[in-house]
Amino acid sequence: MYTTLDWVTLGIWIFVICIIFYGIIAIHDIPASIAKKHNHPHTDAIEAAGWVSLFMLHALWPFLWIWAFYYKPEVEEKKVPETVKLQLEIERLNKRLVAIEQSESAILYDKIESLTERLAAVEKVRQTKNVSVENMLIK
């Protein structure tokens, strides 16, 4: 019924289909391996999107390729000093704010102290003249 050549042909077809299937999966893993090589912060997302793209008939795959190559560690390392500069600027501004608050509180303390002294002087005058507070306010 079936000759040996038919069985060999069937075996070759199964082998070729398996190789093609594996090749498609391996090709979809390329952006994830690129992301791993570049220490991309979104490696897991790229890998998961590669599997989604496999089931979406390769629609996302070109975007994943671009996404994987977009991250450059050298460029990201240059951004770190900018964040350090910003951190130092924040610390400087916080120190300046504390100094301003302390100087304002010192000014307010001096004003309160002078008002307290004036109030004590007025109280002494009132006691010596025996004048009520209401009379002083009317004048």
C-alpha atoms as a PDB file:
ATOM      1  CA  MET A   1       0.000   0.000   0.000  1.00  0.00           C
ATOM      2  CA  TYR A   2       2.550   2.668   1.116  1.00  0.00           C
ATOM      3  CA  THR A   3       6.072   2.346  -0.065  1.00  0.00           C
ATOM      4  CA  THR A   4       9.148   3.130   1.932  1.00  0.00           C
ATOM      5  CA  LEU A   5       9.609   6.296  -0.100  1.00  0.00           C
ATOM      6  CA  ASP A   6       6.165   7.539   1.025  1.00  0.00           C
ATOM      7  CA  TRP A   7       7.120   7.045   4.677  1.00  0.00           C
ATOM      8  CA  VAL A   8      10.461   8.821   4.156  1.00  0.00           C
ATOM      9  CA  THR A   9       8.642  11.707   2.473  1.00  0.00           C
ATOM     10  CA  LEU A  10       6.183  11.917   5.372  1.00  0.00           C
ATOM     11  CA  GLY A  11       9.103  11.948   7.829  1.00  0.00           C
ATOM     12  CA  ILE A  12      10.829  14.712   5.888  1.00  0.00           C
ATOM     13  CA  TRP A  13       7.587  16.767   5.855  1.00  0.00           C
ATOM     14  CA  ILE A  14       7.168  16.376   9.619  1.00  0.00           C
ATOM     15  CA  PHE A  15      10.827  17.318  10.157  1.00  0.00           C
ATOM     16  CA  VAL A  16      10.521  20.412   7.918  1.00  0.00           C
ATOM     17  CA  ILE A  17       7.301  21.535   9.632  1.00  0.00           C
ATOM     18  CA  CYS A  18       8.957  21.153  13.057  1.00  0.00           C
ATOM     19  CA  ILE A  19      12.011  23.126  11.902  1.00  0.00           C
ATOM     20  CA  ILE A  20       9.819  25.899  10.468  1.00  0.00           C
ATOM     21  CA  PHE A  21       7.743  26.003  13.669  1.00  0.00           C
ATOM     22  CA  TYR A  22      10.888  26.187  15.819  1.00  0.00           C
ATOM     23  CA  GLY A  23      12.384  28.814  13.476  1.00  0.00           C
ATOM     24  CA  ILE A  24       9.342  31.055  13.815  1.00  0.00           C
ATOM     25  CA  ILE A  25       9.506  30.813  17.597  1.00  0.00           C
ATOM     26  CA  ALA A  26      13.265  31.462  17.575  1.00  0.00           C
ATOM     27  CA  ILE A  27      12.838  34.496  15.316  1.00  0.00           C
ATOM     28  CA  HIS A  28      10.216  35.928  17.674  1.00  0.00           C
ATOM     29  CA  ASP A  29      12.672  35.583  20.542  1.00  0.00           C
ATOM     30  CA  ILE A  30      15.297  37.795  18.873  1.00  0.00           C
ATOM     31  CA  PRO A  31      14.024  41.125  20.322  1.00  0.00           C
ATOM     32  CA  ALA A  32      13.967  39.595  23.820  1.00  0.00           C
ATOM     33  CA  SER A  33      17.545  38.351  23.473  1.00  0.00           C
ATOM     34  CA  ILE A  34      18.623  41.781  22.205  1.00  0.00           C
ATOM     35  CA  ALA A  35      16.915  43.382  25.201  1.00  0.00           C
ATOM     36  CA  LYS A  36      18.685  40.962  27.571  1.00  0.00           C
ATOM     37  CA  LYS A  37      22.024  41.714  25.936  1.00  0.00           C
ATOM     38  CA  HIS A  38      21.500  45.465  26.367  1.00  0.00           C
ATOM     39  CA  ASN A  39      20.197  45.083  29.956  1.00  0.00           C
ATOM     40  CA  HIS A  40      16.950  46.684  28.867  1.00  0.00           C
ATOM     41  CA  PRO A  41      14.668  47.541  31.814  1.00  0.00           C
ATOM     42  CA  HIS A  42      11.618  46.183  29.930  1.00  0.00           C
ATOM     43  CA  THR A  43      13.055  42.810  28.942  1.00  0.00           C
ATOM     44  CA  ASP A  44      10.153  40.846  30.406  1.00  0.00           C
ATOM     45  CA  ALA A  45       7.591  43.005  28.626  1.00  0.00           C
ATOM     46  CA  ILE A  46       9.400  42.613  25.307  1.00  0.00           C
ATOM     47  CA  GLU A  47       9.552  38.856  25.758  1.00  0.00           C
ATOM     48  CA  ALA A  48       5.847  38.616  26.616  1.00  0.00           C
ATOM     49  CA  ALA A  49       4.915  40.861  23.705  1.00  0.00           C
ATOM     50  CA  GLY A  50       6.960  38.578  21.432  1.00  0.00           C
ATOM     51  CA  TRP A  51       4.711  35.663  22.377  1.00  0.00           C
ATOM     52  CA  VAL A  52       1.628  37.806  21.848  1.00  0.00           C
ATOM     53  CA  SER A  53       2.995  38.836  18.458  1.00  0.00           C
ATOM     54  CA  LEU A  54       3.443  35.167  17.567  1.00  0.00           C
ATOM     55  CA  PHE A  55      -0.279  34.632  17.982  1.00  0.00           C
ATOM     56  CA  MET A  56      -1.143  37.922  16.259  1.00  0.00           C
ATOM     57  CA  LEU A  57       0.532  36.846  13.021  1.00  0.00           C
ATOM     58  CA  HIS A  58       3.712  38.869  13.642  1.00  0.00           C
ATOM     59  CA  ALA A  59       1.963  42.253  13.815  1.00  0.00           C
ATOM     60  CA  LEU A  60       3.931  43.509  16.831  1.00  0.00           C
ATOM     61  CA  TRP A  61       7.284  42.010  15.969  1.00  0.00           C
ATOM     62  CA  PRO A  62       8.782  45.026  14.102  1.00  0.00           C
ATOM     63  CA  PHE A  63       7.823  47.310  16.977  1.00  0.00           C
ATOM     64  CA  LEU A  64       9.426  44.928  19.448  1.00  0.00           C
ATOM     65  CA  TRP A  65      12.611  44.978  17.403  1.00  0.00           C
ATOM     66  CA  ILE A  66      12.666  48.788  17.543  1.00  0.00           C
ATOM     67  CA  TRP A  67      11.782  48.773  21.249  1.00  0.00           C
ATOM     68  CA  ALA A  68      14.621  46.375  22.042  1.00  0.00           C
ATOM     69  CA  PHE A  69      17.182  48.440  20.129  1.00  0.00           C
ATOM     70  CA  TYR A  70      15.899  51.791  21.407  1.00  0.00           C
ATOM     71  CA  TYR A  71      17.436  51.384  24.862  1.00  0.00           C
ATOM     72  CA  LYS A  72      21.096  52.393  24.974  1.00  0.00           C
ATOM     73  CA  PRO A  73      22.881  51.829  28.306  1.00  0.00           C
ATOM     74  CA  GLU A  74      25.464  54.524  27.507  1.00  0.00           C
ATOM     75  CA  VAL A  75      22.733  57.132  27.074  1.00  0.00           C
ATOM     76  CA  GLU A  76      20.977  55.993  30.236  1.00  0.00           C
ATOM     77  CA  GLU A  77      24.234  56.278  32.205  1.00  0.00           C
ATOM     78  CA  LYS A  78      24.520  59.907  31.095  1.00  0.00           C
ATOM     79  CA  LYS A  79      21.063  60.555  32.538  1.00  0.00           C
ATOM     80  CA  VAL A  80      22.184  59.473  36.005  1.00  0.00           C
ATOM     81  CA  PRO A  81      24.319  62.598  36.621  1.00  0.00           C
ATOM     82  CA  GLU A  82      21.300  64.718  35.709  1.00  0.00           C
ATOM     83  CA  THR A  83      19.297  63.038  38.446  1.00  0.00           C
ATOM     84  CA  VAL A  84      22.190  63.489  40.843  1.00  0.00           C
ATOM     85  CA  LYS A  85      22.314  67.193  39.928  1.00  0.00           C
ATOM     86  CA  LEU A  86      18.601  67.479  40.563  1.00  0.00           C
ATOM     87  CA  GLN A  87      18.960  65.691  43.891  1.00  0.00           C
ATOM     88  CA  LEU A  88      21.705  68.122  44.952  1.00  0.00           C
ATOM     89  CA  GLU A  89      19.563  71.060  43.829  1.00  0.00           C
ATOM     90  CA  ILE A  90      16.653  69.764  45.920  1.00  0.00           C
ATOM     91  CA  GLU A  91      18.916  69.419  48.966  1.00  0.00           C
ATOM     92  CA  ARG A  92      20.278  72.951  48.442  1.00  0.00           C
ATOM     93  CA  LEU A  93      16.772  74.375  48.143  1.00  0.00           C
ATOM     94  CA  ASN A  94      15.654  72.509  51.263  1.00  0.00           C
ATOM     95  CA  LYS A  95      18.556  73.978  53.236  1.00  0.00           C
ATOM     96  CA  ARG A  96      17.729  77.437  51.906  1.00  0.00           C
ATOM     97  CA  LEU A  97      14.078  76.984  52.895  1.00  0.00           C
ATOM     98  CA  VAL A  98      15.058  75.955  56.417  1.00  0.00           C
ATOM     99  CA  ALA A  99      17.335  79.004  56.687  1.00  0.00           C
ATOM    100  CA  ILE A 100      14.542  81.309  55.495  1.00  0.00           C
ATOM    101  CA  GLU A 101      12.090  79.753  57.941  1.00  0.00           C
ATOM    102  CA  GLN A 102      14.578  80.165  60.781  1.00  0.00           C
ATOM    103  CA  SER A 103      15.272  83.802  59.896  1.00  0.00           C
ATOM    104  CA  GLU A 104      11.557  84.544  59.622  1.00  0.00           C
ATOM    105  CA  SER A 105      10.903  82.868  62.950  1.00  0.00           C
ATOM    106  CA  ALA A 106      13.757  84.912  64.462  1.00  0.00           C
ATOM    107  CA  ILE A 107      12.227  88.106  63.050  1.00  0.00           C
ATOM    108  CA  LEU A 108       8.805  87.122  64.401  1.00  0.00           C
ATOM    109  CA  TYR A 109      10.335  86.271  67.765  1.00  0.00           C
ATOM    110  CA  ASP A 110      11.985  89.714  67.907  1.00  0.00           C
ATOM    111  CA  LYS A 111       8.686  91.401  67.015  1.00  0.00           C
ATOM    112  CA  ILE A 112       6.807  89.399  69.641  1.00  0.00           C
ATOM    113  CA  GLU A 113       9.466  90.268  72.196  1.00  0.00           C
ATOM    114  CA  SER A 114       9.268  94.001  71.421  1.00  0.00           C
ATOM    115  CA  LEU A 115       5.472  93.912  71.528  1.00  0.00           C
ATOM    116  CA  THR A 116       5.613  92.124  74.876  1.00  0.00           C
ATOM    117  CA  GLU A 117       7.949  94.821  76.213  1.00  0.00           C
ATOM    118  CA  ARG A 118       5.645  97.559  74.937  1.00  0.00           C
ATOM    119  CA  LEU A 119       2.650  95.824  76.470  1.00  0.00           C
ATOM    120  CA  ALA A 120       4.473  95.586  79.807  1.00  0.00           C
ATOM    121  CA  ALA A 121       5.306  99.305  79.613  1.00  0.00           C
ATOM    122  CA  VAL A 122       1.677 100.166  78.845  1.00  0.00           C
ATOM    123  CA  GLU A 123       0.556  97.961  81.720  1.00  0.00           C
ATOM    124  CA  LYS A 124       2.894  99.801  84.089  1.00  0.00           C
ATOM    125  CA  VAL A 125       1.540 103.161  82.918  1.00  0.00           C
ATOM    126  CA  ARG A 126      -2.002 101.939  83.375  1.00  0.00           C
ATOM    127  CA  GLN A 127      -1.290 100.684  86.874  1.00  0.00           C
ATOM    128  CA  THR A 128       0.450 103.901  87.933  1.00  0.00           C
ATOM    129  CA  LYS A 129      -2.362 106.079  86.597  1.00  0.00           C
ATOM    130  CA  ASN A 130      -5.018 103.544  87.591  1.00  0.00           C
ATOM    131  CA  VAL A 131      -6.698 103.780  84.175  1.00  0.00           C
ATOM    132  CA  SER A 132      -8.886 100.958  82.867  1.00  0.00           C
ATOM    133  CA  VAL A 133      -8.126  99.273  79.570  1.00  0.00           C
ATOM    134  CA  GLU A 134     -11.425 100.441  78.060  1.00  0.00           C
ATOM    135  CA  ASN A 135     -10.531 104.074  78.739  1.00  0.00           C
ATOM    136  CA  MET A 136      -7.140 103.593  77.113  1.00  0.00           C
ATOM    137  CA  LEU A 137      -8.719 102.097  74.018  1.00  0.00           C
ATOM    138  CA  ILE A 138     -11.201 104.953  73.702  1.00  0.00           C
ATOM    139  CA  LYS A 139      -8.446 107.546  73.673  1.00  0.00           C
END
